[in-house]
Amino acid sequence: MAAPSVPSATAPTFRIDIPLLPESAAGNALQFIDLLRSANVLASLRAGAASPRFTWRVLDAAGRPLMALPGPLAVYSQADEGTQDAPSGGLAYALFLPSFHAADIPGIRNVASGHQRLSRQVGMALDQGQRVLTVGNGAWLAASSGRLQDRQASLPWFYMAGFERDFPGIHLVTDQDVTDDGPWLSCALPHGLSDMATALVRHAMGDELAQVCASVFRPDPERARAALQAHAQQHIPATRDSTLARAIAFMESHLDQPYSLVRLAEAAAVSPRTLLRHFQLELSQSPLDHLHSLRCARAKVLLEVTLESVPSIAVACGYADPAAFRRIFVRYTGMSPAEYRKRHALRAPRRRWRVEVR
C-alpha cells in the first residue's frame, strides 16, 4: 500500500477538540485519535493530497492545549504527519468527550458539577454549529449544557435510570449502541467508537469515505475469509469433516476453475443428488449459487485492494466471460464491479502511483 500523500495547503481540515479531565478515561480519547488517523490514511489513499483531513487538539479541563506527550505518545497530542501543519486555530468541527471514572451515579454527578466550565464550553460549541461526541457517562457533561433537550442518546444500561432522573427531556435509546441525532453523536461503550468515527466521517467527508471506513473499522468475517482465500492462505480445518464442509472447502480452493457438480460431489464423497439435498437443507441454495457468492466475495476484496482490471479479476474468480461476471456481480451485490470499486477501493487510482522524474 502506498504511503499517504502529504496534504496540500488547501485540503479541507476538520478539527476535533478533545478535553481531558483528571477523571477522564484517557484510553477512549487515544482510541478515537487512532480512528481519526486511520480515516486520514484512507482519505489520502483515495484522493491523494487534495483529500480532507482530521486534525485534533488535546485540551485540559480549562480548554488549554496540553503540552506534547513524550515519545511514542506524541502522535496523540498533535495531528499525524501531514496534518500537524494544519491550522490549529479557528473554529473546531466537533468536541469529543470521553467517559470518566466514577464509582456510582452520585460520583458521576459530582464530576459533572465540578466541571461546569466544560459544560458551558459544550453549550458554546453547539451554539456555534459544532458537533458533540460523547462516550458513556460523558453524556452528563454534554447534557449539563442545557442545549440537548429533546435529543436522543445512547448510554450503558446501568446509567439509564440515573440519567433519566437528571435529564428527563433527553430520550434514551435502548436498542442501539451508537446514536446519531443532529449535533449529538453518542456511544454507550468504547466498543462503539468505530461506528461513532464512521458517522463523524460521513458528516464531515461524505458517504463514500464513510463506507470505506466502515469496511475497515468493523469486523467482517466473510471479507477476512475471502481475503485469505484470494492469497491461498485459508483452508477449512480437517476437523470439519462433513459433506457440506468438504464441498465448500473444495469450492474455496478451486474458485478460479469451471464449475462441475459431478466433480464437486466426488470431492465431497457423495452423489450429485445427495450433495444438492445437503445444500438445499442447510443453506437453502444450490452449490452453484453458493459458489457465485464465494466468487463475488473474492471479487470484492480484489476490487478493494488491487489495481487489476475487471476482466483479470473475473478470470481470478472463475469467470472466463467478463460480461457474465458483471451480470452475476450485479445480482449478488446490487452494483457493477466498476461502481463497487469506486465506492470501496482502499487504493488510490493508478495515476497516483506514477513516479515523477524531475
Protein backbone atom coordinates (compact mmCIF):
# COMPACT_ATOMS: atom_id res chain seq x y z
CA MET A 1 0.00 0.00 0.00
CA ALA A 2 1.35 3.38 -0.97
CA ALA A 3 2.30 5.89 1.68
CA PRO A 4 -0.29 8.59 2.33
CA SER A 5 0.20 11.78 0.35
CA VAL A 6 1.29 14.98 2.05
CA PRO A 7 -1.83 17.17 2.01
CA SER A 8 -1.93 20.37 0.03
CA ALA A 9 -2.29 23.69 1.79
CA THR A 10 -5.87 23.95 0.54
CA ALA A 11 -7.00 20.48 1.67
CA PRO A 12 -10.02 20.89 3.97
CA THR A 13 -9.40 20.08 7.63
CA PHE A 14 -11.84 19.23 10.40
CA ARG A 15 -10.50 19.91 13.87
CA ILE A 16 -11.67 17.83 16.81
CA ASP A 17 -11.12 19.26 20.30
CA ILE A 18 -10.63 16.61 22.99
CA PRO A 19 -10.72 17.90 26.59
CA LEU A 20 -9.26 15.52 29.17
CA LEU A 21 -10.30 15.91 32.79
CA PRO A 22 -8.33 14.45 35.70
CA GLU A 23 -11.11 11.84 35.89
CA SER A 24 -11.25 11.09 32.12
CA ALA A 25 -10.82 7.62 30.71
CA ALA A 26 -7.91 8.68 28.51
CA GLY A 27 -7.96 5.39 26.63
CA ASN A 28 -11.24 6.45 24.97
CA ALA A 29 -9.51 9.51 23.58
CA LEU A 30 -6.44 7.60 22.40
CA GLN A 31 -8.58 5.01 20.64
CA PHE A 32 -10.63 7.72 18.96
CA ILE A 33 -7.49 9.51 17.76
CA ASP A 34 -6.27 6.21 16.27
CA LEU A 35 -9.53 6.03 14.32
CA LEU A 36 -9.11 9.63 13.12
CA ARG A 37 -5.58 8.80 11.95
CA SER A 38 -6.88 5.76 10.09
CA ALA A 39 -9.56 7.87 8.42
CA ASN A 40 -6.86 10.29 7.28
CA VAL A 41 -4.85 7.43 5.75
CA LEU A 42 -7.88 6.07 3.91
CA ALA A 43 -8.81 9.54 2.64
CA SER A 44 -5.26 10.04 1.39
CA LEU A 45 -5.17 6.70 -0.40
CA ARG A 46 -8.41 7.53 -2.19
CA ALA A 47 -7.91 11.17 -3.06
CA GLY A 48 -4.21 11.99 -2.60
CA ALA A 49 -3.04 15.44 -1.49
CA ALA A 50 -6.44 17.04 -2.04
CA SER A 51 -8.16 14.74 0.45
CA PRO A 52 -9.85 16.17 3.55
CA ARG A 53 -8.15 15.56 6.88
CA PHE A 54 -8.98 15.41 10.56
CA THR A 55 -6.76 17.30 12.96
CA TRP A 56 -7.17 17.49 16.70
CA ARG A 57 -6.17 19.22 19.91
CA VAL A 58 -5.97 17.55 23.31
CA LEU A 59 -7.05 20.09 25.93
CA ASP A 60 -7.07 20.33 29.69
CA ALA A 61 -10.22 20.91 31.75
CA ALA A 62 -9.90 24.68 31.23
CA GLY A 63 -9.72 24.34 27.44
CA ARG A 64 -5.98 24.97 27.15
CA PRO A 65 -3.96 22.76 24.74
CA LEU A 66 -1.89 20.18 26.59
CA MET A 67 1.84 20.04 26.07
CA ALA A 68 3.10 17.41 23.65
CA LEU A 69 3.31 13.97 25.22
CA PRO A 70 6.72 12.26 25.27
CA GLY A 71 8.00 9.51 22.99
CA PRO A 72 5.52 7.37 21.05
CA LEU A 73 2.59 9.15 22.73
CA ALA A 74 3.47 12.41 20.93
CA VAL A 75 1.22 11.48 17.98
CA TYR A 76 -1.79 11.63 20.28
CA SER A 77 -1.22 15.23 21.34
CA GLN A 78 -0.79 16.54 17.80
CA ALA A 79 -2.18 15.57 14.43
CA ASP A 80 -0.35 12.90 12.44
CA GLU A 81 2.36 13.69 9.92
CA GLY A 82 0.84 15.56 7.05
CA THR A 83 -1.77 17.27 9.23
CA GLN A 84 0.32 18.65 12.06
CA ASP A 85 0.93 21.80 9.98
CA ALA A 86 -2.79 22.33 9.54
CA PRO A 87 -4.03 25.42 11.35
CA SER A 88 -4.92 24.61 14.94
CA GLY A 89 -6.71 27.91 15.43
CA GLY A 90 -10.12 28.85 14.13
CA LEU A 91 -13.38 27.07 14.73
CA ALA A 92 -13.37 23.42 15.68
CA TYR A 93 -15.67 20.98 13.89
CA ALA A 94 -16.50 18.79 16.88
CA LEU A 95 -15.90 18.30 20.59
CA PHE A 96 -15.16 14.78 21.84
CA LEU A 97 -15.95 13.94 25.47
CA PRO A 98 -14.63 10.57 26.67
CA SER A 99 -16.21 8.78 29.59
CA PHE A 100 -14.77 9.42 33.04
CA HIS A 101 -14.09 7.35 36.11
CA ALA A 102 -16.76 7.46 38.81
CA ALA A 103 -17.87 4.71 41.14
CA ASP A 104 -21.62 5.38 41.01
CA ILE A 105 -24.31 7.84 39.93
CA PRO A 106 -23.60 10.28 42.80
CA GLY A 107 -19.94 10.18 41.80
CA ILE A 108 -20.87 10.96 38.19
CA ARG A 109 -22.97 13.90 39.33
CA ASN A 110 -20.07 15.21 41.43
CA VAL A 111 -17.69 15.09 38.44
CA ALA A 112 -20.23 16.81 36.17
CA SER A 113 -20.98 19.55 38.71
CA GLY A 114 -17.24 20.05 39.29
CA HIS A 115 -16.66 20.79 35.60
CA GLN A 116 -19.42 23.26 34.82
CA ARG A 117 -16.97 25.33 32.80
CA LEU A 118 -16.60 22.44 30.37
CA SER A 119 -20.38 22.07 30.15
CA ARG A 120 -20.59 25.77 29.26
CA GLN A 121 -17.95 25.17 26.56
CA VAL A 122 -20.13 22.38 25.20
CA GLY A 123 -23.05 24.80 25.04
CA MET A 124 -20.99 27.39 23.19
CA ALA A 125 -19.72 24.75 20.77
CA LEU A 126 -23.29 23.68 19.99
CA ASP A 127 -24.33 27.32 19.54
CA GLN A 128 -21.52 27.71 17.01
CA GLY A 129 -22.76 24.75 14.98
CA GLN A 130 -20.23 22.21 16.18
CA ARG A 131 -20.99 18.57 16.89
CA VAL A 132 -20.56 16.99 20.31
CA LEU A 133 -19.44 13.38 20.65
CA THR A 134 -19.81 11.54 23.96
CA VAL A 135 -18.82 8.13 25.29
CA GLY A 136 -20.72 6.59 28.21
CA ASN A 137 -21.14 8.90 31.17
CA GLY A 138 -19.51 11.74 29.22
CA ALA A 139 -23.13 12.36 28.21
CA TRP A 140 -23.65 14.03 31.62
CA LEU A 141 -21.21 16.78 30.69
CA ALA A 142 -22.92 17.34 27.34
CA ALA A 143 -26.45 17.24 28.76
CA SER A 144 -25.50 19.70 31.52
CA SER A 145 -25.03 22.32 28.80
CA GLY A 146 -28.82 22.61 28.56
CA ARG A 147 -28.67 22.58 24.74
CA LEU A 148 -29.70 18.98 24.08
CA GLN A 149 -33.33 18.88 25.15
CA ASP A 150 -35.48 16.53 23.03
CA ARG A 151 -32.38 14.87 21.58
CA GLN A 152 -31.71 11.13 21.63
CA ALA A 153 -28.67 9.46 23.16
CA SER A 154 -27.15 6.04 23.82
CA LEU A 155 -25.92 5.15 27.32
CA PRO A 156 -24.90 1.96 29.11
CA TRP A 157 -27.96 0.32 30.66
CA PHE A 158 -26.60 0.76 34.17
CA TYR A 159 -26.58 4.57 33.81
CA MET A 160 -30.01 4.99 32.23
CA ALA A 161 -32.17 5.35 35.33
CA GLY A 162 -29.91 7.98 36.91
CA PHE A 163 -29.52 9.91 33.67
CA GLU A 164 -33.27 9.93 33.06
CA ARG A 165 -33.86 11.40 36.52
CA ASP A 166 -31.31 14.15 35.86
CA PHE A 167 -32.32 14.92 32.26
CA PRO A 168 -35.94 13.86 31.64
CA GLY A 169 -36.06 15.88 28.42
CA ILE A 170 -33.46 13.69 26.70
CA HIS A 171 -34.67 10.45 25.14
CA LEU A 172 -32.54 7.38 25.78
CA VAL A 173 -32.22 4.81 23.01
CA THR A 174 -32.33 1.23 24.29
CA ASP A 175 -31.75 -0.79 21.12
CA GLN A 176 -28.53 0.60 19.67
CA ASP A 177 -25.03 1.29 20.95
CA VAL A 178 -24.45 4.44 18.87
CA THR A 179 -26.97 7.21 18.27
CA ASP A 180 -26.57 9.97 15.70
CA ASP A 181 -29.07 12.74 16.44
CA GLY A 182 -28.28 16.05 14.80
CA PRO A 183 -25.32 17.69 16.53
CA TRP A 184 -25.01 14.91 19.13
CA LEU A 185 -23.20 11.64 18.46
CA SER A 186 -23.24 9.34 21.48
CA CYS A 187 -22.00 5.82 22.07
CA ALA A 188 -22.80 3.74 25.11
CA LEU A 189 -19.49 1.89 25.46
CA PRO A 190 -16.00 2.15 23.94
CA HIS A 191 -16.64 -0.72 21.53
CA GLY A 192 -18.95 1.67 19.66
CA LEU A 193 -16.16 4.17 18.93
CA SER A 194 -15.52 2.78 15.44
CA ASP A 195 -19.16 3.31 14.48
CA MET A 196 -19.06 6.79 16.01
CA ALA A 197 -15.92 7.61 13.99
CA THR A 198 -17.61 6.33 10.83
CA ALA A 199 -20.63 8.56 11.49
CA LEU A 200 -18.31 11.54 12.01
CA VAL A 201 -16.56 10.78 8.71
CA ARG A 202 -19.95 10.66 6.99
CA HIS A 203 -20.91 14.08 8.32
CA ALA A 204 -17.54 15.70 7.60
CA MET A 205 -16.29 13.94 4.48
CA GLY A 206 -19.23 12.21 2.81
CA ASP A 207 -20.85 8.82 2.37
CA GLU A 208 -18.23 7.23 0.11
CA LEU A 209 -15.33 7.61 2.53
CA ALA A 210 -17.62 6.61 5.40
CA GLN A 211 -18.41 3.35 3.60
CA VAL A 212 -14.69 2.66 3.18
CA CYS A 213 -14.08 3.41 6.87
CA ALA A 214 -16.94 1.14 7.90
CA SER A 215 -15.48 -1.75 5.89
CA VAL A 216 -12.09 -1.24 7.55
CA PHE A 217 -13.18 -0.42 11.11
CA ARG A 218 -15.81 -3.15 11.56
CA PRO A 219 -15.04 -6.86 11.83
CA ASP A 220 -16.18 -8.70 8.70
CA PRO A 221 -15.58 -12.47 8.83
CA GLU A 222 -16.73 -13.00 5.26
CA ARG A 223 -14.35 -10.41 3.86
CA ALA A 224 -11.49 -11.69 6.03
CA ARG A 225 -12.07 -15.21 4.82
CA ALA A 226 -12.30 -14.12 1.18
CA ALA A 227 -9.06 -12.15 1.51
CA LEU A 228 -7.21 -15.19 2.77
CA GLN A 229 -8.72 -17.38 0.07
CA ALA A 230 -7.57 -14.95 -2.58
CA HIS A 231 -3.99 -15.47 -1.45
CA ALA A 232 -4.32 -19.23 -0.99
CA GLN A 233 -3.84 -18.96 2.77
CA GLN A 234 -7.14 -20.32 4.08
CA HIS A 235 -8.29 -23.93 4.41
CA ILE A 236 -11.21 -25.42 6.34
CA PRO A 237 -9.75 -27.41 9.27
CA ALA A 238 -9.74 -31.16 8.87
CA THR A 239 -11.94 -31.49 11.95
CA ARG A 240 -14.85 -30.11 9.95
CA ASP A 241 -15.40 -33.41 8.17
CA SER A 242 -18.92 -33.17 6.83
CA THR A 243 -20.41 -33.36 3.36
CA LEU A 244 -21.04 -29.63 3.24
CA ALA A 245 -17.64 -28.73 4.72
CA ARG A 246 -15.83 -30.94 2.20
CA ALA A 247 -17.77 -29.41 -0.67
CA ILE A 248 -17.21 -25.83 0.47
CA ALA A 249 -13.51 -26.48 1.11
CA PHE A 250 -13.19 -27.79 -2.45
CA MET A 251 -15.03 -24.74 -3.81
CA GLU A 252 -12.81 -22.33 -1.90
CA SER A 253 -9.62 -23.91 -3.22
CA HIS A 254 -10.93 -24.06 -6.81
CA LEU A 255 -12.76 -20.76 -7.18
CA ASP A 256 -10.97 -19.94 -10.42
CA GLN A 257 -11.88 -23.24 -12.08
CA PRO A 258 -15.04 -24.12 -14.07
CA TYR A 259 -17.96 -25.40 -12.04
CA SER A 260 -18.77 -29.12 -12.23
CA LEU A 261 -21.42 -30.64 -9.99
CA VAL A 262 -20.06 -34.14 -10.62
CA ARG A 263 -16.54 -33.14 -9.67
CA LEU A 264 -17.78 -31.30 -6.58
CA ALA A 265 -19.81 -34.34 -5.48
CA GLU A 266 -16.75 -36.56 -5.88
CA ALA A 267 -14.74 -34.20 -3.65
CA ALA A 268 -17.50 -34.40 -1.03
CA ALA A 269 -17.69 -38.21 -1.40
CA VAL A 270 -21.42 -38.24 -2.15
CA SER A 271 -23.65 -38.43 -5.19
CA PRO A 272 -24.65 -35.22 -7.00
CA ARG A 273 -28.25 -35.70 -5.87
CA THR A 274 -27.21 -36.08 -2.22
CA LEU A 275 -24.99 -33.01 -2.46
CA LEU A 276 -27.83 -30.93 -3.85
CA ARG A 277 -30.03 -32.06 -0.98
CA HIS A 278 -27.41 -31.09 1.63
CA PHE A 279 -27.02 -27.59 0.18
CA GLN A 280 -30.77 -27.05 -0.01
CA LEU A 281 -31.41 -28.31 3.52
CA GLU A 282 -28.53 -26.48 5.22
CA LEU A 283 -28.02 -23.36 3.11
CA SER A 284 -31.32 -23.07 1.19
CA GLN A 285 -29.42 -22.65 -2.07
CA SER A 286 -27.74 -24.71 -4.76
CA PRO A 287 -23.99 -25.40 -4.85
CA LEU A 288 -23.70 -23.11 -7.87
CA ASP A 289 -25.44 -20.24 -6.05
CA HIS A 290 -23.06 -20.69 -3.12
CA LEU A 291 -20.10 -20.77 -5.49
CA HIS A 292 -21.21 -17.48 -7.04
CA SER A 293 -21.41 -15.90 -3.57
CA LEU A 294 -17.89 -17.10 -2.72
CA ARG A 295 -16.56 -15.80 -6.03
CA CYS A 296 -18.22 -12.42 -5.53
CA ALA A 297 -16.74 -12.19 -2.02
CA ARG A 298 -13.28 -12.74 -3.51
CA ALA A 299 -14.02 -10.26 -6.30
CA LYS A 300 -14.98 -7.58 -3.77
CA VAL A 301 -11.66 -7.99 -1.97
CA LEU A 302 -9.68 -7.83 -5.22
CA LEU A 303 -11.61 -4.74 -6.33
CA GLU A 304 -10.87 -3.08 -2.98
CA VAL A 305 -7.16 -3.80 -2.60
CA THR A 306 -5.70 -4.34 -6.10
CA LEU A 307 -5.41 -2.35 -9.31
CA GLU A 308 -6.20 -5.35 -11.53
CA SER A 309 -8.66 -4.83 -14.37
CA VAL A 310 -12.20 -6.15 -14.12
CA PRO A 311 -11.56 -8.83 -16.80
CA SER A 312 -8.47 -10.02 -14.87
CA ILE A 313 -10.47 -10.19 -11.64
CA ALA A 314 -13.20 -12.08 -13.48
CA VAL A 315 -10.68 -14.75 -14.51
CA ALA A 316 -9.23 -14.91 -10.98
CA CYS A 317 -12.75 -15.60 -9.71
CA GLY A 318 -13.58 -18.31 -12.24
CA TYR A 319 -15.38 -16.36 -14.96
CA ALA A 320 -13.90 -16.59 -18.45
CA ASP A 321 -16.50 -14.14 -19.76
CA PRO A 322 -16.22 -10.66 -18.16
CA ALA A 323 -19.81 -9.86 -19.21
CA ALA A 324 -21.11 -12.91 -17.34
CA PHE A 325 -19.05 -11.89 -14.32
CA ARG A 326 -20.55 -8.39 -14.37
CA ARG A 327 -24.11 -9.77 -14.53
CA ILE A 328 -23.53 -12.14 -11.62
CA PHE A 329 -21.71 -9.50 -9.58
CA VAL A 330 -24.64 -7.09 -10.02
CA ARG A 331 -27.07 -9.83 -8.99
CA TYR A 332 -25.19 -10.58 -5.75
CA THR A 333 -24.06 -7.05 -4.77
CA GLY A 334 -26.57 -4.70 -6.38
CA MET A 335 -23.92 -2.75 -8.29
CA SER A 336 -21.40 -3.22 -11.10
CA PRO A 337 -17.74 -4.09 -10.37
CA ALA A 338 -16.69 -0.61 -11.51
CA GLU A 339 -19.20 1.07 -9.20
CA TYR A 340 -18.19 -1.17 -6.29
CA ARG A 341 -14.52 -0.26 -6.80
CA LYS A 342 -15.38 3.43 -6.96
CA ARG A 343 -17.21 3.24 -3.61
CA HIS A 344 -14.96 0.85 -1.69
CA ALA A 345 -11.43 0.88 -3.15
CA LEU A 346 -8.75 1.22 -0.48
CA ARG A 347 -6.03 2.07 -3.01
CA ALA A 348 -5.51 5.29 -4.88
CA PRO A 349 -6.19 5.38 -8.64
CA ARG A 350 -3.34 4.10 -10.79
CA ARG A 351 -2.38 7.60 -11.92
CA ARG A 352 -1.38 8.45 -8.32
CA TRP A 353 1.23 5.69 -8.41
CA ARG A 354 3.22 7.22 -11.24
CA VAL A 355 6.72 8.34 -10.33
CA GLU A 356 7.54 11.82 -11.49
CA VAL A 357 11.15 12.27 -12.61
CA ARG A 358 12.41 15.80 -12.39
